[in-house]
């Protein structure tokens, strides 16, 4: 997974951002979305003191058991929001 904030939207590394990986995955499943769901965690709405990198990492690691044991992928967006895509 790419580091959050590693590429600005529209920048030269657009193809490697989590957003582009998420869009690619959503485009691939759009013809048969049955059984898929997403969870969008809006960390952007946190107070500035709670947006520190180590807090975002704790939030990301909270989903590790789900990603490890289920057919799920966690995307960390450049705005630090999390999107969990599950089947």
Protein backbone atom coordinates (compact mmCIF):
# COMPACT_ATOMS: atom_id res chain seq x y z
CA UNK A 1 0.00 0.00 0.00
CA UNK A 2 1.31 3.47 -0.80
CA UNK A 3 2.11 5.91 1.97
CA UNK A 4 -0.61 8.46 2.56
CA UNK A 5 0.28 11.86 1.28
CA UNK A 6 2.90 10.37 -1.04
CA UNK A 7 1.47 11.91 -4.18
CA UNK A 8 -0.69 14.94 -4.68
CA UNK A 9 -3.85 14.37 -6.69
CA UNK A 10 -3.09 15.25 -10.27
CA UNK A 11 0.65 14.96 -9.65
CA UNK A 12 3.10 12.84 -11.62
CA UNK A 13 2.54 9.75 -9.41
CA UNK A 14 -1.24 9.68 -9.87
CA UNK A 15 -1.16 6.05 -11.02
CA UNK A 16 0.35 4.90 -7.73
CA UNK A 17 -1.92 6.71 -5.28
CA UNK A 18 -4.30 4.81 -3.07
CA UNK A 19 -7.14 6.73 -4.71
CA UNK A 20 -6.23 5.43 -8.15
CA UNK A 21 -5.86 1.87 -6.80
CA UNK A 22 -9.29 2.14 -5.15
CA UNK A 23 -10.89 3.51 -8.33
CA UNK A 24 -9.29 0.74 -10.37
CA UNK A 25 -10.67 -1.91 -8.00
CA UNK A 26 -14.14 -0.32 -8.00
CA UNK A 27 -14.13 -0.16 -11.80
CA UNK A 28 -13.26 -3.86 -11.97
CA UNK A 29 -16.10 -4.92 -9.67
CA UNK A 30 -18.79 -2.50 -10.91
CA UNK A 31 -20.29 -5.08 -13.30
CA UNK A 32 -20.86 -7.55 -10.46
CA UNK A 33 -20.88 -5.67 -7.12
CA UNK A 34 -22.99 -8.27 -5.30
CA UNK A 35 -21.36 -9.23 -2.02
CA UNK A 36 -19.00 -6.23 -1.83
CA UNK A 37 -19.26 -3.39 0.65
CA UNK A 38 -17.09 -0.49 1.73
CA UNK A 39 -16.52 1.31 4.98
CA UNK A 40 -15.30 4.92 4.72
CA UNK A 41 -13.66 6.21 7.90
CA UNK A 42 -13.60 10.01 7.74
CA UNK A 43 -10.39 10.78 9.63
CA UNK A 44 -10.21 14.11 7.82
CA UNK A 45 -12.94 15.31 10.20
CA UNK A 46 -10.74 14.78 13.27
CA UNK A 47 -9.39 17.72 15.24
CA UNK A 48 -5.88 18.73 14.11
CA UNK A 49 -4.22 17.29 17.25
CA UNK A 50 -5.73 13.89 16.45
CA UNK A 51 -4.49 13.81 12.84
CA UNK A 52 -0.89 13.09 13.79
CA UNK A 53 0.77 10.36 11.75
CA UNK A 54 1.03 7.89 14.63
CA UNK A 55 -2.71 8.21 15.36
CA UNK A 56 -3.54 7.59 11.71
CA UNK A 57 -1.25 4.54 11.80
CA UNK A 58 -3.05 3.20 14.88
CA UNK A 59 -6.38 3.60 13.09
CA UNK A 60 -4.98 1.83 10.02
CA UNK A 61 -3.57 -1.06 12.05
CA UNK A 62 -6.94 -1.53 13.74
CA UNK A 63 -8.17 -3.05 10.47
CA UNK A 64 -5.26 -5.52 10.13
CA UNK A 65 -7.19 -8.51 11.56
CA UNK A 66 -10.00 -7.94 9.07
CA UNK A 67 -7.63 -7.56 6.14
CA UNK A 68 -5.62 -10.62 7.22
CA UNK A 69 -8.55 -12.97 7.78
CA UNK A 70 -11.13 -11.83 5.25
CA UNK A 71 -11.17 -10.88 1.60
CA UNK A 72 -10.61 -7.19 2.34
CA UNK A 73 -8.34 -4.35 1.28
CA UNK A 74 -7.67 -1.15 3.20
CA UNK A 75 -6.90 2.01 1.25
CA UNK A 76 -5.31 5.01 3.00
CA UNK A 77 -6.24 8.09 1.00
CA UNK A 78 -4.07 11.19 0.68
CA UNK A 79 -6.44 13.12 2.95
CA UNK A 80 -5.82 10.37 5.57
CA UNK A 81 -9.31 8.90 5.31
CA UNK A 82 -9.51 5.11 5.32
CA UNK A 83 -11.60 3.02 2.93
CA UNK A 84 -12.07 -0.66 3.66
CA UNK A 85 -13.31 -2.70 0.70
CA UNK A 86 -14.66 -6.11 1.68
CA UNK A 87 -16.26 -9.06 -0.01
